[in-house]
Amino acid sequence: MQHMLDSNITMCLDECTPFPATEAQAESSMRLSMRWARRSKDAFVERPATACSASSRAASIRSSGRRASPP
């Protein structure tokens, strides 16, 4: 879905575990998040770099870009 929307930043879903949570609830939530992570990785499609992402990578490679970047 994120690829079809041409999203610049993509990430997998994560369940927000209630607080407080029992050990069983936390384990169930973690397993659900891990299944989503696997599905996201399996569905990942490499896309060509955009001008913005390419210039960000170039700046991080050059030492002058690293100094100019915020901490």
PDB file of N, CA and C in Angstrom:
ATOM      1  N   MET A   1       0.832  -1.195   0.000  1.00  0.00           N
ATOM      2  CA  MET A   1       0.000   0.000   0.000  1.00  0.00           C
ATOM      3  C   MET A   1       0.877   1.260   0.000  1.00  0.00           C
ATOM      4  N   GLN A   2       1.920   1.271   0.846  1.00  0.00           N
ATOM      5  CA  GLN A   2       2.768   2.453   0.921  1.00  0.00           C
ATOM      6  C   GLN A   2       3.490   2.693  -0.405  1.00  0.00           C
ATOM      7  N   HIS A   3       3.865   1.613  -1.081  1.00  0.00           N
ATOM      8  CA  HIS A   3       4.502   1.738  -2.391  1.00  0.00           C
ATOM      9  C   HIS A   3       3.530   2.341  -3.398  1.00  0.00           C
ATOM     10  N   MET A   4       2.281   1.883  -3.374  1.00  0.00           N
ATOM     11  CA  MET A   4       1.284   2.402  -4.320  1.00  0.00           C
ATOM     12  C   MET A   4       1.018   3.889  -4.070  1.00  0.00           C
ATOM     13  N   LEU A   5       1.170   4.327  -2.813  1.00  0.00           N
ATOM     14  CA  LEU A   5       0.980   5.740  -2.487  1.00  0.00           C
ATOM     15  C   LEU A   5       2.239   6.571  -2.739  1.00  0.00           C
ATOM     16  N   ASP A   6       3.318   5.902  -3.192  1.00  0.00           N
ATOM     17  CA  ASP A   6       4.602   6.550  -3.464  1.00  0.00           C
ATOM     18  C   ASP A   6       5.124   7.276  -2.214  1.00  0.00           C
ATOM     19  N   SER A   7       5.010   6.600  -1.094  1.00  0.00           N
ATOM     20  CA  SER A   7       5.456   7.162   0.177  1.00  0.00           C
ATOM     21  C   SER A   7       6.975   7.324   0.196  1.00  0.00           C
ATOM     22  N   ASN A   8       7.459   8.416   0.766  1.00  0.00           N
ATOM     23  CA  ASN A   8       8.903   8.643   0.883  1.00  0.00           C
ATOM     24  C   ASN A   8       9.512   7.810   1.999  1.00  0.00           C
ATOM     25  N   ILE A   9       8.761   7.591   3.054  1.00  0.00           N
ATOM     26  CA  ILE A   9       9.229   6.803   4.189  1.00  0.00           C
ATOM     27  C   ILE A   9       8.226   5.684   4.409  1.00  0.00           C
ATOM     28  N   THR A  10       8.707   4.453   4.414  1.00  0.00           N
ATOM     29  CA  THR A  10       7.807   3.327   4.632  1.00  0.00           C
ATOM     30  C   THR A  10       8.242   2.559   5.871  1.00  0.00           C
ATOM     31  N   MET A  11       7.280   2.026   6.579  1.00  0.00           N
ATOM     32  CA  MET A  11       7.569   1.250   7.780  1.00  0.00           C
ATOM     33  C   MET A  11       6.453   0.256   8.024  1.00  0.00           C
ATOM     34  N   CYS A  12       6.772  -0.755   8.794  1.00  0.00           N
ATOM     35  CA  CYS A  12       5.743  -1.748   9.108  1.00  0.00           C
ATOM     36  C   CYS A  12       4.866  -1.241  10.249  1.00  0.00           C
ATOM     37  N   LEU A  13       3.710  -1.841  10.364  1.00  0.00           N
ATOM     38  CA  LEU A  13       2.801  -1.498  11.450  1.00  0.00           C
ATOM     39  C   LEU A  13       3.301  -2.101  12.753  1.00  0.00           C
ATOM     40  N   ASP A  14       2.877  -1.524  13.845  1.00  0.00           N
ATOM     41  CA  ASP A  14       3.235  -2.034  15.164  1.00  0.00           C
ATOM     42  C   ASP A  14       2.007  -1.866  16.047  1.00  0.00           C
ATOM     43  N   GLU A  15       1.671  -2.903  16.782  1.00  0.00           N
ATOM     44  CA  GLU A  15       0.524  -2.797  17.682  1.00  0.00           C
ATOM     45  C   GLU A  15       0.936  -2.052  18.948  1.00  0.00           C
ATOM     46  N   CYS A  16       0.100  -1.155  19.394  1.00  0.00           N
ATOM     47  CA  CYS A  16       0.339  -0.456  20.659  1.00  0.00           C
ATOM     48  C   CYS A  16      -0.227  -1.313  21.781  1.00  0.00           C
ATOM     49  N   THR A  17       0.655  -1.944  22.516  1.00  0.00           N
ATOM     50  CA  THR A  17       0.258  -2.830  23.610  1.00  0.00           C
ATOM     51  C   THR A  17      -0.321  -1.997  24.748  1.00  0.00           C
ATOM     52  N   PRO A  18      -1.437  -2.418  25.315  1.00  0.00           N
ATOM     53  CA  PRO A  18      -2.008  -1.648  26.426  1.00  0.00           C
ATOM     54  C   PRO A  18      -1.075  -1.652  27.635  1.00  0.00           C
ATOM     55  N   PHE A  19      -1.204  -0.652  28.476  1.00  0.00           N
ATOM     56  CA  PHE A  19      -0.425  -0.600  29.710  1.00  0.00           C
ATOM     57  C   PHE A  19      -1.378  -0.420  30.872  1.00  0.00           C
ATOM     58  N   PRO A  20      -1.255  -1.204  31.870  1.00  0.00           N
ATOM     59  CA  PRO A  20      -0.335  -2.325  32.005  1.00  0.00           C
ATOM     60  C   PRO A  20      -0.815  -3.511  31.173  1.00  0.00           C
ATOM     61  N   ALA A  21       0.123  -4.381  30.829  1.00  0.00           N
ATOM     62  CA  ALA A  21      -0.198  -5.561  30.028  1.00  0.00           C
ATOM     63  C   ALA A  21       0.314  -6.803  30.744  1.00  0.00           C
ATOM     64  N   THR A  22      -0.436  -7.866  30.598  1.00  0.00           N
ATOM     65  CA  THR A  22       0.037  -9.135  31.143  1.00  0.00           C
ATOM     66  C   THR A  22       1.149  -9.656  30.234  1.00  0.00           C
ATOM     67  N   GLU A  23       1.887 -10.630  30.701  1.00  0.00           N
ATOM     68  CA  GLU A  23       2.941 -11.222  29.879  1.00  0.00           C
ATOM     69  C   GLU A  23       2.341 -11.838  28.619  1.00  0.00           C
ATOM     70  N   ALA A  24       1.171 -12.457  28.757  1.00  0.00           N
ATOM     71  CA  ALA A  24       0.510 -13.072  27.597  1.00  0.00           C
ATOM     72  C   ALA A  24       0.097 -12.005  26.582  1.00  0.00           C
ATOM     73  N   GLN A  25      -0.421 -10.868  27.051  1.00  0.00           N
ATOM     74  CA  GLN A  25      -0.810  -9.785  26.141  1.00  0.00           C
ATOM     75  C   GLN A  25       0.420  -9.221  25.418  1.00  0.00           C
ATOM     76  N   ALA A  26       1.501  -9.020  26.173  1.00  0.00           N
ATOM     77  CA  ALA A  26       2.722  -8.480  25.575  1.00  0.00           C
ATOM     78  C   ALA A  26       3.287  -9.437  24.526  1.00  0.00           C
ATOM     79  N   GLU A  27       3.272 -10.737  24.826  1.00  0.00           N
ATOM     80  CA  GLU A  27       3.776 -11.726  23.867  1.00  0.00           C
ATOM     81  C   GLU A  27       2.908 -11.766  22.622  1.00  0.00           C
ATOM     82  N   SER A  28       1.604 -11.738  22.798  1.00  0.00           N
ATOM     83  CA  SER A  28       0.683 -11.758  21.660  1.00  0.00           C
ATOM     84  C   SER A  28       0.896 -10.520  20.781  1.00  0.00           C
ATOM     85  N   SER A  29       1.046  -9.362  21.414  1.00  0.00           N
ATOM     86  CA  SER A  29       1.259  -8.119  20.689  1.00  0.00           C
ATOM     87  C   SER A  29       2.578  -8.156  19.917  1.00  0.00           C
ATOM     88  N   MET A  30       3.632  -8.669  20.562  1.00  0.00           N
ATOM     89  CA  MET A  30       4.930  -8.765  19.915  1.00  0.00           C
ATOM     90  C   MET A  30       4.868  -9.700  18.715  1.00  0.00           C
ATOM     91  N   ARG A  31       4.187 -10.819  18.864  1.00  0.00           N
ATOM     92  CA  ARG A  31       4.078 -11.765  17.750  1.00  0.00           C
ATOM     93  C   ARG A  31       3.309 -11.157  16.576  1.00  0.00           C
ATOM     94  N   LEU A  32       2.252 -10.400  16.870  1.00  0.00           N
ATOM     95  CA  LEU A  32       1.495  -9.733  15.815  1.00  0.00           C
ATOM     96  C   LEU A  32       2.381  -8.725  15.091  1.00  0.00           C
ATOM     97  N   SER A  33       3.125  -7.925  15.847  1.00  0.00           N
ATOM     98  CA  SER A  33       4.026  -6.945  15.236  1.00  0.00           C
ATOM     99  C   SER A  33       5.091  -7.630  14.389  1.00  0.00           C
ATOM    100  N   MET A  34       5.612  -8.762  14.853  1.00  0.00           N
ATOM    101  CA  MET A  34       6.626  -9.492  14.096  1.00  0.00           C
ATOM    102  C   MET A  34       6.050 -10.075  12.801  1.00  0.00           C
ATOM    103  N   ARG A  35       4.785 -10.526  12.838  1.00  0.00           N
ATOM    104  CA  ARG A  35       4.138 -11.014  11.600  1.00  0.00           C
ATOM    105  C   ARG A  35       3.993  -9.863  10.608  1.00  0.00           C
ATOM    106  N   TRP A  36       3.578  -8.690  11.098  1.00  0.00           N
ATOM    107  CA  TRP A  36       3.456  -7.523  10.226  1.00  0.00           C
ATOM    108  C   TRP A  36       4.820  -7.142   9.657  1.00  0.00           C
ATOM    109  N   ALA A  37       5.860  -7.207  10.479  1.00  0.00           N
ATOM    110  CA  ALA A  37       7.212  -6.870  10.000  1.00  0.00           C
ATOM    111  C   ALA A  37       7.640  -7.824   8.886  1.00  0.00           C
ATOM    112  N   ARG A  38       7.384  -9.104   9.052  1.00  0.00           N
ATOM    113  CA  ARG A  38       7.731 -10.095   8.021  1.00  0.00           C
ATOM    114  C   ARG A  38       6.964  -9.812   6.731  1.00  0.00           C
ATOM    115  N   ARG A  39       5.664  -9.536   6.859  1.00  0.00           N
ATOM    116  CA  ARG A  39       4.860  -9.242   5.667  1.00  0.00           C
ATOM    117  C   ARG A  39       5.371  -7.976   4.973  1.00  0.00           C
ATOM    118  N   SER A  40       5.747  -6.966   5.760  1.00  0.00           N
ATOM    119  CA  SER A  40       6.270  -5.725   5.180  1.00  0.00           C
ATOM    120  C   SER A  40       7.569  -5.985   4.438  1.00  0.00           C
ATOM    121  N   LYS A  41       8.463  -6.766   5.051  1.00  0.00           N
ATOM    122  CA  LYS A  41       9.739  -7.072   4.404  1.00  0.00           C
ATOM    123  C   LYS A  41       9.515  -7.872   3.127  1.00  0.00           C
ATOM    124  N   ASP A  42       8.614  -8.849   3.169  1.00  0.00           N
ATOM    125  CA  ASP A  42       8.336  -9.673   1.990  1.00  0.00           C
ATOM    126  C   ASP A  42       7.722  -8.857   0.855  1.00  0.00           C
ATOM    127  N   ALA A  43       6.951  -7.818   1.205  1.00  0.00           N
ATOM    128  CA  ALA A  43       6.266  -7.013   0.192  1.00  0.00           C
ATOM    129  C   ALA A  43       7.097  -5.821  -0.269  1.00  0.00           C
ATOM    130  N   PHE A  44       8.261  -5.601   0.369  1.00  0.00           N
ATOM    131  CA  PHE A  44       9.078  -4.429   0.042  1.00  0.00           C
ATOM    132  C   PHE A  44       9.498  -4.449  -1.413  1.00  0.00           C
ATOM    133  N   VAL A  45       9.393  -3.297  -2.053  1.00  0.00           N
ATOM    134  CA  VAL A  45       9.787  -3.135  -3.447  1.00  0.00           C
ATOM    135  C   VAL A  45      10.798  -1.998  -3.513  1.00  0.00           C
ATOM    136  N   GLU A  46      11.999  -2.298  -4.005  1.00  0.00           N
ATOM    137  CA  GLU A  46      13.018  -1.262  -4.171  1.00  0.00           C
ATOM    138  C   GLU A  46      12.541  -0.280  -5.231  1.00  0.00           C
ATOM    139  N   ARG A  47      12.658   1.003  -4.945  1.00  0.00           N
ATOM    140  CA  ARG A  47      12.252   2.022  -5.903  1.00  0.00           C
ATOM    141  C   ARG A  47      13.445   2.873  -6.281  1.00  0.00           C
ATOM    142  N   PRO A  48      13.420   3.455  -7.475  1.00  0.00           N
ATOM    143  CA  PRO A  48      14.526   4.331  -7.870  1.00  0.00           C
ATOM    144  C   PRO A  48      14.630   5.506  -6.898  1.00  0.00           C
ATOM    145  N   ALA A  49      15.837   5.962  -6.673  1.00  0.00           N
ATOM    146  CA  ALA A  49      16.049   7.094  -5.771  1.00  0.00           C
ATOM    147  C   ALA A  49      15.463   8.357  -6.384  1.00  0.00           C
ATOM    148  N   THR A  50      14.862   9.168  -5.540  1.00  0.00           N
ATOM    149  CA  THR A  50      14.374  10.474  -5.985  1.00  0.00           C
ATOM    150  C   THR A  50      15.506  11.474  -5.811  1.00  0.00           C
ATOM    151  N   ALA A  51      15.345  12.647  -6.346  1.00  0.00           N
ATOM    152  CA  ALA A  51      16.377  13.675  -6.209  1.00  0.00           C
ATOM    153  C   ALA A  51      16.634  13.980  -4.738  1.00  0.00           C
ATOM    154  N   CYS A  52      15.586  14.012  -3.951  1.00  0.00           N
ATOM    155  CA  CYS A  52      15.720  14.322  -2.527  1.00  0.00           C
ATOM    156  C   CYS A  52      16.490  13.222  -1.800  1.00  0.00           C
ATOM    157  N   SER A  53      16.113  11.968  -2.010  1.00  0.00           N
ATOM    158  CA  SER A  53      16.793  10.887  -1.300  1.00  0.00           C
ATOM    159  C   SER A  53      18.229  10.726  -1.790  1.00  0.00           C
ATOM    160  N   ALA A  54      18.471  10.965  -3.064  1.00  0.00           N
ATOM    161  CA  ALA A  54      19.832  10.855  -3.588  1.00  0.00           C
ATOM    162  C   ALA A  54      20.715  11.947  -3.010  1.00  0.00           C
ATOM    163  N   SER A  55      20.204  13.166  -2.894  1.00  0.00           N
ATOM    164  CA  SER A  55      21.018  14.242  -2.338  1.00  0.00           C
ATOM    165  C   SER A  55      21.253  14.030  -0.848  1.00  0.00           C
ATOM    166  N   SER A  56      20.305  13.438  -0.140  1.00  0.00           N
ATOM    167  CA  SER A  56      20.494  13.138   1.284  1.00  0.00           C
ATOM    168  C   SER A  56      21.585  12.111   1.459  1.00  0.00           C
ATOM    169  N   ARG A  57      21.588  11.083   0.623  1.00  0.00           N
ATOM    170  CA  ARG A  57      22.632  10.059   0.697  1.00  0.00           C
ATOM    171  C   ARG A  57      23.986  10.665   0.373  1.00  0.00           C
ATOM    172  N   ALA A  58      24.045  11.507  -0.648  1.00  0.00           N
ATOM    173  CA  ALA A  58      25.316  12.119  -1.030  1.00  0.00           C
ATOM    174  C   ALA A  58      25.845  12.994   0.103  1.00  0.00           C
ATOM    175  N   ALA A  59      24.987  13.744   0.750  1.00  0.00           N
ATOM    176  CA  ALA A  59      25.421  14.602   1.853  1.00  0.00           C
ATOM    177  C   ALA A  59      25.942  13.779   3.020  1.00  0.00           C
ATOM    178  N   SER A  60      25.353  12.615   3.252  1.00  0.00           N
ATOM    179  CA  SER A  60      25.809  11.796   4.373  1.00  0.00           C
ATOM    180  C   SER A  60      27.145  11.124   4.075  1.00  0.00           C
ATOM    181  N   ILE A  61      27.472  10.970   2.797  1.00  0.00           N
ATOM    182  CA  ILE A  61      28.734  10.334   2.411  1.00  0.00           C
ATOM    183  C   ILE A  61      29.889  11.334   2.509  1.00  0.00           C
ATOM    184  N   ARG A  62      29.653  12.578   2.097  1.00  0.00           N
ATOM    185  CA  ARG A  62      30.706  13.597   2.142  1.00  0.00           C
ATOM    186  C   ARG A  62      30.910  14.083   3.573  1.00  0.00           C
ATOM    187  N   SER A  63      32.139  14.293   3.950  1.00  0.00           N
ATOM    188  CA  SER A  63      32.417  14.750   5.312  1.00  0.00           C
ATOM    189  C   SER A  63      31.797  16.119   5.574  1.00  0.00           C
ATOM    190  N   SER A  64      31.746  16.996   4.561  1.00  0.00           N
ATOM    191  CA  SER A  64      31.146  18.310   4.766  1.00  0.00           C
ATOM    192  C   SER A  64      29.654  18.182   5.039  1.00  0.00           C
ATOM    193  N   GLY A  65      28.998  17.210   4.421  1.00  0.00           N
ATOM    194  CA  GLY A  65      27.574  16.986   4.674  1.00  0.00           C
ATOM    195  C   GLY A  65      27.322  16.471   6.076  1.00  0.00           C
ATOM    196  N   ARG A  66      28.244  15.650   6.574  1.00  0.00           N
ATOM    197  CA  ARG A  66      28.080  15.124   7.928  1.00  0.00           C
ATOM    198  C   ARG A  66      28.215  16.245   8.947  1.00  0.00           C
ATOM    199  N   ARG A  67      29.151  17.163   8.718  1.00  0.00           N
ATOM    200  CA  ARG A  67      29.331  18.270   9.669  1.00  0.00           C
ATOM    201  C   ARG A  67      28.130  19.201   9.666  1.00  0.00           C
ATOM    202  N   ALA A  68      27.492  19.371   8.501  1.00  0.00           N
ATOM    203  CA  ALA A  68      26.366  20.294   8.404  1.00  0.00           C
ATOM    204  C   ALA A  68      25.072  19.690   8.930  1.00  0.00           C
ATOM    205  N   SER A  69      25.028  18.372   9.046  1.00  0.00           N
ATOM    206  CA  SER A  69      23.810  17.713   9.503  1.00  0.00           C
ATOM    207  C   SER A  69      23.618  17.931  10.996  1.00  0.00           C
ATOM    208  N   PRO A  70      22.358  18.108  11.426  1.00  0.00           N
ATOM    209  CA  PRO A  70      22.103  18.251  12.867  1.00  0.00           C
ATOM    210  C   PRO A  70      22.441  16.964  13.589  1.00  0.00           C
ATOM    211  N   PRO A  71      22.815  17.060  14.882  1.00  0.00           N
ATOM    212  CA  PRO A  71      23.175  15.849  15.636  1.00  0.00           C
ATOM    213  C   PRO A  71      22.031  14.896  15.793  1.00  0.00           C
TER     214      PRO A  71
END
